[in-house]
Amino acid sequence: MEIKRTALVLHPAMDMFRLVQDVPSYPRFLSWCRESVVHEQTPEYQLASLVVRVSGMTQTFTTRNRFVPGEQLTLSLVDGPFRHLSGEWRFEALGTEGSKIALLLSFDFSSRMLSSAFRRGFTHIADRLVQDFSRRADELYGC
């Protein structure tokens, strides 16, 4: 499954990048995220895990997130219930006060049973990510 979403926001690209990069804050504003842990962090990447609750099921997955600060965050699966999970956030400055954010997410589950139980809920989460981060930026930085 592949999901592509974009939004124009009244926040600088660097602010939006920092918000997406701030994995430890996810449980504060993403209702489906039960826990988030950054295992390793350097200026170029982070290794992070999320514990998510979707469709009555709890799953944990770990990704390696590579950065181009203020411009791009690319994620790739390290471990979890997916056969494949990859994604990319892009942040494009629009003047000094606004930006365009884009998310491309591609995933497939490792088992048919998990896919049938988890797919709809995870698709809903993925579909709303750009909206959820835009809303969080409005809360933190004003609208």
N, C-alpha and C. Protein backbone atom coordinates (compact mmCIF):
# COMPACT_ATOMS: atom_id res chain seq x y z
N MET A 1 0.84 -1.17 0.00
CA MET A 1 0.00 0.00 0.00
C MET A 1 0.89 1.23 0.00
N GLU A 2 0.48 2.24 -0.71
CA GLU A 2 1.24 3.48 -0.78
C GLU A 2 0.33 4.66 -0.49
N ILE A 3 0.81 5.58 0.33
CA ILE A 3 0.03 6.76 0.70
C ILE A 3 0.89 7.99 0.43
N LYS A 4 0.28 8.98 -0.23
CA LYS A 4 0.95 10.26 -0.49
C LYS A 4 0.03 11.36 0.01
N ARG A 5 0.58 12.24 0.82
CA ARG A 5 -0.20 13.36 1.35
C ARG A 5 0.68 14.61 1.38
N THR A 6 0.06 15.76 1.13
CA THR A 6 0.77 17.04 1.22
C THR A 6 -0.12 18.05 1.95
N ALA A 7 0.52 19.08 2.47
CA ALA A 7 -0.22 20.17 3.11
C ALA A 7 0.63 21.44 3.03
N LEU A 8 -0.06 22.55 2.92
CA LEU A 8 0.58 23.86 3.04
C LEU A 8 0.30 24.34 4.46
N VAL A 9 1.35 24.73 5.16
CA VAL A 9 1.19 25.14 6.56
C VAL A 9 1.83 26.50 6.78
N LEU A 10 1.34 27.20 7.79
CA LEU A 10 1.86 28.52 8.11
C LEU A 10 2.95 28.43 9.17
N HIS A 11 3.88 27.52 8.93
CA HIS A 11 5.01 27.31 9.84
C HIS A 11 6.25 27.06 8.99
N PRO A 12 7.40 27.55 9.42
CA PRO A 12 8.64 27.33 8.66
C PRO A 12 8.97 25.85 8.51
N ALA A 13 9.63 25.52 7.42
CA ALA A 13 10.00 24.13 7.14
C ALA A 13 10.83 23.53 8.27
N MET A 14 11.74 24.31 8.84
CA MET A 14 12.58 23.78 9.92
C MET A 14 11.75 23.42 11.15
N ASP A 15 10.74 24.22 11.47
CA ASP A 15 9.86 23.89 12.61
C ASP A 15 9.13 22.58 12.35
N MET A 16 8.64 22.40 11.14
CA MET A 16 7.91 21.17 10.81
C MET A 16 8.86 19.97 10.84
N PHE A 17 10.07 20.14 10.33
CA PHE A 17 11.06 19.07 10.38
C PHE A 17 11.33 18.66 11.83
N ARG A 18 11.56 19.65 12.69
CA ARG A 18 11.86 19.35 14.10
C ARG A 18 10.70 18.62 14.78
N LEU A 19 9.49 18.99 14.42
CA LEU A 19 8.31 18.34 15.00
C LEU A 19 8.26 16.86 14.61
N VAL A 20 8.49 16.56 13.35
CA VAL A 20 8.48 15.17 12.88
C VAL A 20 9.67 14.40 13.47
N GLN A 21 10.80 15.05 13.60
CA GLN A 21 12.00 14.40 14.14
C GLN A 21 11.88 14.13 15.65
N ASP A 22 11.01 14.82 16.34
CA ASP A 22 10.87 14.71 17.80
C ASP A 22 10.02 13.49 18.18
N VAL A 23 10.54 12.31 17.91
CA VAL A 23 9.84 11.05 18.16
C VAL A 23 9.37 10.91 19.61
N PRO A 24 10.17 11.31 20.62
CA PRO A 24 9.71 11.14 22.00
C PRO A 24 8.39 11.87 22.33
N SER A 25 8.05 12.91 21.57
CA SER A 25 6.81 13.64 21.85
C SER A 25 5.57 13.01 21.22
N TYR A 26 5.72 12.03 20.35
CA TYR A 26 4.57 11.46 19.63
C TYR A 26 3.41 11.03 20.53
N PRO A 27 3.64 10.35 21.65
CA PRO A 27 2.49 9.92 22.46
C PRO A 27 1.66 11.09 23.01
N ARG A 28 2.22 12.29 23.04
CA ARG A 28 1.48 13.45 23.54
C ARG A 28 0.39 13.91 22.59
N PHE A 29 0.52 13.62 21.30
CA PHE A 29 -0.48 14.15 20.36
C PHE A 29 -0.96 13.15 19.31
N LEU A 30 -0.38 11.97 19.26
CA LEU A 30 -0.86 10.93 18.35
C LEU A 30 -1.54 9.86 19.21
N SER A 31 -2.86 9.83 19.18
CA SER A 31 -3.63 8.98 20.10
C SER A 31 -3.32 7.50 19.95
N TRP A 32 -2.89 7.07 18.81
CA TRP A 32 -2.59 5.67 18.55
C TRP A 32 -1.18 5.27 19.01
N CYS A 33 -0.34 6.25 19.33
CA CYS A 33 1.05 5.97 19.73
C CYS A 33 1.11 5.83 21.25
N ARG A 34 1.34 4.62 21.72
CA ARG A 34 1.38 4.34 23.15
C ARG A 34 2.73 4.66 23.78
N GLU A 35 3.78 4.48 22.99
CA GLU A 35 5.14 4.70 23.50
C GLU A 35 6.06 4.97 22.32
N SER A 36 7.09 5.77 22.56
CA SER A 36 8.11 6.02 21.53
C SER A 36 9.47 6.11 22.20
N VAL A 37 10.45 5.52 21.56
CA VAL A 37 11.80 5.46 22.12
C VAL A 37 12.81 5.73 21.02
N VAL A 38 13.76 6.62 21.30
CA VAL A 38 14.90 6.81 20.40
C VAL A 38 16.06 6.02 21.00
N HIS A 39 16.49 4.99 20.29
CA HIS A 39 17.56 4.12 20.77
C HIS A 39 18.94 4.69 20.50
N GLU A 40 19.03 5.43 19.41
CA GLU A 40 20.33 5.95 18.98
C GLU A 40 20.07 7.22 18.19
N GLN A 41 20.92 8.24 18.37
CA GLN A 41 20.73 9.51 17.66
C GLN A 41 22.08 10.08 17.29
N THR A 42 22.22 10.50 16.03
CA THR A 42 23.39 11.24 15.57
C THR A 42 22.86 12.43 14.77
N PRO A 43 23.72 13.33 14.31
CA PRO A 43 23.22 14.43 13.47
C PRO A 43 22.63 13.96 12.14
N GLU A 44 22.99 12.75 11.70
CA GLU A 44 22.52 12.25 10.40
C GLU A 44 21.32 11.31 10.48
N TYR A 45 21.12 10.65 11.61
CA TYR A 45 20.02 9.68 11.69
C TYR A 45 19.63 9.41 13.13
N GLN A 46 18.49 8.73 13.27
CA GLN A 46 18.07 8.20 14.56
C GLN A 46 17.50 6.81 14.34
N LEU A 47 17.63 5.97 15.34
CA LEU A 47 17.02 4.65 15.37
C LEU A 47 15.93 4.75 16.42
N ALA A 48 14.67 4.54 16.01
CA ALA A 48 13.55 4.79 16.92
C ALA A 48 12.50 3.69 16.79
N SER A 49 11.80 3.46 17.91
CA SER A 49 10.71 2.48 17.94
C SER A 49 9.42 3.16 18.38
N LEU A 50 8.33 2.69 17.80
CA LEU A 50 6.99 3.13 18.20
C LEU A 50 6.19 1.92 18.63
N VAL A 51 5.44 2.07 19.71
CA VAL A 51 4.45 1.08 20.12
C VAL A 51 3.11 1.68 19.76
N VAL A 52 2.39 1.02 18.85
CA VAL A 52 1.13 1.56 18.35
C VAL A 52 -0.03 0.63 18.70
N ARG A 53 -1.18 1.24 18.94
CA ARG A 53 -2.39 0.46 19.19
C ARG A 53 -3.38 0.81 18.09
N VAL A 54 -3.69 -0.21 17.30
CA VAL A 54 -4.56 -0.03 16.14
C VAL A 54 -5.52 -1.20 16.07
N SER A 55 -6.77 -0.92 15.83
CA SER A 55 -7.78 -1.97 15.66
C SER A 55 -7.75 -2.97 16.82
N GLY A 56 -7.53 -2.46 18.04
CA GLY A 56 -7.51 -3.32 19.21
C GLY A 56 -6.24 -4.14 19.39
N MET A 57 -5.26 -3.94 18.53
CA MET A 57 -4.00 -4.69 18.59
C MET A 57 -2.85 -3.73 18.88
N THR A 58 -1.87 -4.21 19.63
CA THR A 58 -0.67 -3.43 19.90
C THR A 58 0.50 -4.06 19.17
N GLN A 59 1.23 -3.23 18.44
CA GLN A 59 2.40 -3.68 17.69
C GLN A 59 3.55 -2.70 17.90
N THR A 60 4.75 -3.20 17.81
CA THR A 60 5.95 -2.37 17.93
C THR A 60 6.75 -2.48 16.64
N PHE A 61 7.25 -1.34 16.17
CA PHE A 61 8.15 -1.38 15.02
C PHE A 61 9.26 -0.37 15.21
N THR A 62 10.39 -0.66 14.57
CA THR A 62 11.59 0.16 14.68
C THR A 62 12.01 0.60 13.29
N THR A 63 12.37 1.88 13.18
CA THR A 63 12.83 2.42 11.90
C THR A 63 14.15 3.16 12.09
N ARG A 64 14.91 3.23 11.01
CA ARG A 64 16.09 4.08 10.94
C ARG A 64 15.65 5.31 10.15
N ASN A 65 15.79 6.47 10.77
CA ASN A 65 15.34 7.72 10.17
C ASN A 65 16.55 8.58 9.82
N ARG A 66 16.75 8.81 8.54
CA ARG A 66 17.89 9.62 8.07
C ARG A 66 17.41 11.04 7.79
N PHE A 67 18.28 12.03 8.09
CA PHE A 67 17.88 13.43 8.02
C PHE A 67 18.67 14.24 7.01
N VAL A 68 17.99 15.19 6.42
CA VAL A 68 18.59 16.38 5.83
C VAL A 68 17.85 17.50 6.56
N PRO A 69 18.45 18.07 7.61
CA PRO A 69 17.74 18.99 8.50
C PRO A 69 16.99 20.10 7.75
N GLY A 70 15.72 20.23 8.12
CA GLY A 70 14.87 21.26 7.53
C GLY A 70 14.34 20.92 6.16
N GLU A 71 14.77 19.80 5.57
CA GLU A 71 14.36 19.46 4.21
C GLU A 71 13.74 18.08 4.08
N GLN A 72 14.31 17.08 4.74
CA GLN A 72 13.88 15.70 4.46
C GLN A 72 14.16 14.78 5.63
N LEU A 73 13.26 13.82 5.82
CA LEU A 73 13.46 12.73 6.77
C LEU A 73 13.02 11.46 6.06
N THR A 74 13.93 10.50 5.92
CA THR A 74 13.64 9.25 5.23
C THR A 74 13.66 8.12 6.25
N LEU A 75 12.62 7.30 6.25
CA LEU A 75 12.57 6.20 7.21
C LEU A 75 12.58 4.86 6.50
N SER A 76 13.23 3.89 7.15
CA SER A 76 13.27 2.53 6.62
C SER A 76 13.12 1.55 7.78
N LEU A 77 12.45 0.45 7.51
CA LEU A 77 12.15 -0.54 8.52
C LEU A 77 13.41 -1.26 9.00
N VAL A 78 13.53 -1.40 10.31
CA VAL A 78 14.57 -2.22 10.92
C VAL A 78 13.94 -3.50 11.46
N ASP A 79 12.79 -3.35 12.15
CA ASP A 79 12.12 -4.50 12.75
C ASP A 79 10.65 -4.17 12.97
N GLY A 80 9.80 -5.17 12.85
CA GLY A 80 8.39 -4.96 13.13
C GLY A 80 7.50 -5.87 12.31
N PRO A 81 6.19 -5.64 12.37
CA PRO A 81 5.22 -6.54 11.75
C PRO A 81 5.03 -6.33 10.25
N PHE A 82 5.96 -5.67 9.61
CA PHE A 82 5.84 -5.37 8.19
C PHE A 82 6.80 -6.22 7.36
N ARG A 83 6.36 -6.57 6.17
CA ARG A 83 7.27 -7.15 5.18
C ARG A 83 8.10 -6.01 4.60
N HIS A 84 7.45 -4.86 4.49
CA HIS A 84 8.09 -3.68 3.91
C HIS A 84 7.48 -2.43 4.55
N LEU A 85 8.31 -1.50 4.94
CA LEU A 85 7.87 -0.19 5.41
C LEU A 85 8.97 0.80 5.06
N SER A 86 8.61 1.82 4.30
CA SER A 86 9.55 2.89 4.00
C SER A 86 8.75 4.17 3.84
N GLY A 87 9.43 5.27 4.01
CA GLY A 87 8.72 6.54 3.88
C GLY A 87 9.66 7.70 3.77
N GLU A 88 9.07 8.82 3.40
CA GLU A 88 9.85 10.04 3.26
C GLU A 88 8.96 11.24 3.58
N TRP A 89 9.44 12.07 4.46
CA TRP A 89 8.86 13.39 4.71
C TRP A 89 9.72 14.40 3.97
N ARG A 90 9.08 15.34 3.27
CA ARG A 90 9.80 16.45 2.63
C ARG A 90 9.22 17.76 3.14
N PHE A 91 10.11 18.72 3.35
CA PHE A 91 9.73 20.01 3.89
C PHE A 91 10.29 21.08 2.95
N GLU A 92 9.41 21.85 2.34
CA GLU A 92 9.83 22.86 1.37
C GLU A 92 9.43 24.24 1.88
N ALA A 93 10.41 25.11 2.06
CA ALA A 93 10.13 26.46 2.53
C ALA A 93 9.33 27.23 1.49
N LEU A 94 8.32 27.93 1.96
CA LEU A 94 7.53 28.83 1.12
C LEU A 94 7.63 30.21 1.76
N GLY A 95 8.61 30.98 1.35
CA GLY A 95 8.88 32.24 2.02
C GLY A 95 9.51 31.97 3.37
N THR A 96 9.37 32.92 4.28
CA THR A 96 9.98 32.75 5.60
C THR A 96 9.02 32.18 6.63
N GLU A 97 7.74 32.25 6.38
CA GLU A 97 6.76 31.86 7.40
C GLU A 97 6.00 30.58 7.10
N GLY A 98 6.06 30.08 5.89
CA GLY A 98 5.25 28.92 5.55
C GLY A 98 6.07 27.82 4.92
N SER A 99 5.41 26.68 4.72
CA SER A 99 6.08 25.56 4.07
C SER A 99 5.07 24.58 3.49
N LYS A 100 5.58 23.77 2.60
CA LYS A 100 4.81 22.65 2.06
C LYS A 100 5.43 21.39 2.67
N ILE A 101 4.58 20.57 3.27
CA ILE A 101 5.08 19.30 3.79
C ILE A 101 4.45 18.18 2.97
N ALA A 102 5.24 17.17 2.72
CA ALA A 102 4.78 16.03 1.92
C ALA A 102 5.23 14.74 2.60
N LEU A 103 4.35 13.76 2.57
CA LEU A 103 4.66 12.44 3.12
C LEU A 103 4.36 11.39 2.07
N LEU A 104 5.32 10.52 1.84
CA LEU A 104 5.14 9.34 1.02
C LEU A 104 5.43 8.15 1.92
N LEU A 105 4.47 7.26 2.06
CA LEU A 105 4.62 6.10 2.94
C LEU A 105 4.21 4.86 2.16
N SER A 106 5.05 3.84 2.21
CA SER A 106 4.80 2.58 1.53
C SER A 106 4.95 1.45 2.54
N PHE A 107 3.96 0.55 2.59
CA PHE A 107 4.03 -0.53 3.57
C PHE A 107 3.25 -1.75 3.10
N ASP A 108 3.67 -2.89 3.63
CA ASP A 108 3.00 -4.17 3.41
C ASP A 108 3.27 -5.02 4.64
N PHE A 109 2.26 -5.71 5.12
CA PHE A 109 2.40 -6.49 6.34
C PHE A 109 3.02 -7.85 6.08
N SER A 110 3.63 -8.41 7.12
CA SER A 110 4.38 -9.66 6.98
C SER A 110 3.49 -10.89 6.94
N SER A 111 2.27 -10.81 7.44
CA SER A 111 1.39 -11.98 7.41
C SER A 111 -0.02 -11.59 6.97
N ARG A 112 -0.73 -12.54 6.37
CA ARG A 112 -2.10 -12.28 5.92
C ARG A 112 -3.02 -11.97 7.09
N MET A 113 -2.86 -12.73 8.18
CA MET A 113 -3.72 -12.53 9.33
C MET A 113 -3.52 -11.13 9.92
N LEU A 114 -2.28 -10.73 10.08
CA LEU A 114 -1.98 -9.40 10.59
C LEU A 114 -2.47 -8.34 9.62
N SER A 115 -2.29 -8.58 8.34
CA SER A 115 -2.72 -7.63 7.34
C SER A 115 -4.22 -7.38 7.42
N SER A 116 -5.00 -8.43 7.51
CA SER A 116 -6.45 -8.26 7.54
C SER A 116 -6.90 -7.57 8.82
N ALA A 117 -6.24 -7.82 9.93
CA ALA A 117 -6.64 -7.23 11.20
C ALA A 117 -6.13 -5.79 11.37
N PHE A 118 -4.98 -5.50 10.84
CA PHE A 118 -4.26 -4.26 11.14
C PHE A 118 -4.31 -3.25 10.00
N ARG A 119 -4.55 -3.71 8.79
CA ARG A 119 -4.43 -2.87 7.60
C ARG A 119 -5.32 -1.63 7.63
N ARG A 120 -6.59 -1.80 7.88
CA ARG A 120 -7.51 -0.66 7.84
C ARG A 120 -7.10 0.40 8.86
N GLY A 121 -6.81 -0.02 10.09
CA GLY A 121 -6.42 0.93 11.12
C GLY A 121 -5.12 1.63 10.81
N PHE A 122 -4.12 0.88 10.34
CA PHE A 122 -2.84 1.49 10.04
C PHE A 122 -2.96 2.41 8.82
N THR A 123 -3.76 2.04 7.86
CA THR A 123 -3.99 2.90 6.70
C THR A 123 -4.62 4.22 7.14
N HIS A 124 -5.57 4.16 8.06
CA HIS A 124 -6.21 5.36 8.59
C HIS A 124 -5.18 6.26 9.28
N ILE A 125 -4.31 5.66 10.09
CA ILE A 125 -3.25 6.41 10.77
C ILE A 125 -2.35 7.09 9.74
N ALA A 126 -1.86 6.32 8.79
CA ALA A 126 -0.95 6.85 7.78
C ALA A 126 -1.61 7.96 6.98
N ASP A 127 -2.88 7.78 6.69
CA ASP A 127 -3.63 8.76 5.91
C ASP A 127 -3.74 10.10 6.65
N ARG A 128 -3.75 10.08 7.96
CA ARG A 128 -3.96 11.29 8.76
C ARG A 128 -2.67 11.92 9.29
N LEU A 129 -1.53 11.33 9.07
CA LEU A 129 -0.29 11.82 9.68
C LEU A 129 0.01 13.29 9.37
N VAL A 130 -0.11 13.69 8.12
CA VAL A 130 0.18 15.07 7.76
C VAL A 130 -0.76 16.01 8.50
N GLN A 131 -2.04 15.66 8.54
CA GLN A 131 -3.03 16.47 9.26
C GLN A 131 -2.70 16.55 10.75
N ASP A 132 -2.35 15.43 11.36
CA ASP A 132 -2.03 15.41 12.79
C ASP A 132 -0.80 16.26 13.12
N PHE A 133 0.23 16.20 12.29
CA PHE A 133 1.42 17.01 12.53
C PHE A 133 1.14 18.49 12.27
N SER A 134 0.31 18.80 11.28
CA SER A 134 -0.07 20.19 11.02
C SER A 134 -0.84 20.76 12.21
N ARG A 135 -1.75 19.98 12.75
CA ARG A 135 -2.53 20.41 13.91
C ARG A 135 -1.62 20.63 15.12
N ARG A 136 -0.67 19.73 15.33
CA ARG A 136 0.27 19.86 16.45
C ARG A 136 1.12 21.12 16.29
N ALA A 137 1.55 21.42 15.09
CA ALA A 137 2.32 22.64 14.85
C ALA A 137 1.49 23.87 15.21
N ASP A 138 0.22 23.88 14.85
CA ASP A 138 -0.65 25.01 15.21
C ASP A 138 -0.74 25.16 16.72
N GLU A 139 -0.85 24.04 17.44
CA GLU A 139 -0.92 24.08 18.91
C GLU A 139 0.37 24.63 19.51
N LEU A 140 1.51 24.20 19.00
CA LEU A 140 2.79 24.60 19.57
C LEU A 140 3.24 25.99 19.16
N TYR A 141 3.03 26.33 17.89
CA TYR A 141 3.60 27.56 17.34
C TYR A 141 2.57 28.65 17.08
N GLY A 142 1.30 28.36 17.30
CA GLY A 142 0.24 29.30 16.98
C GLY A 142 -0.19 29.15 15.54
N CYS A 143 -1.35 29.69 15.24
CA CYS A 143 -1.89 29.48 13.90
C CYS A 143 -1.81 30.69 13.03
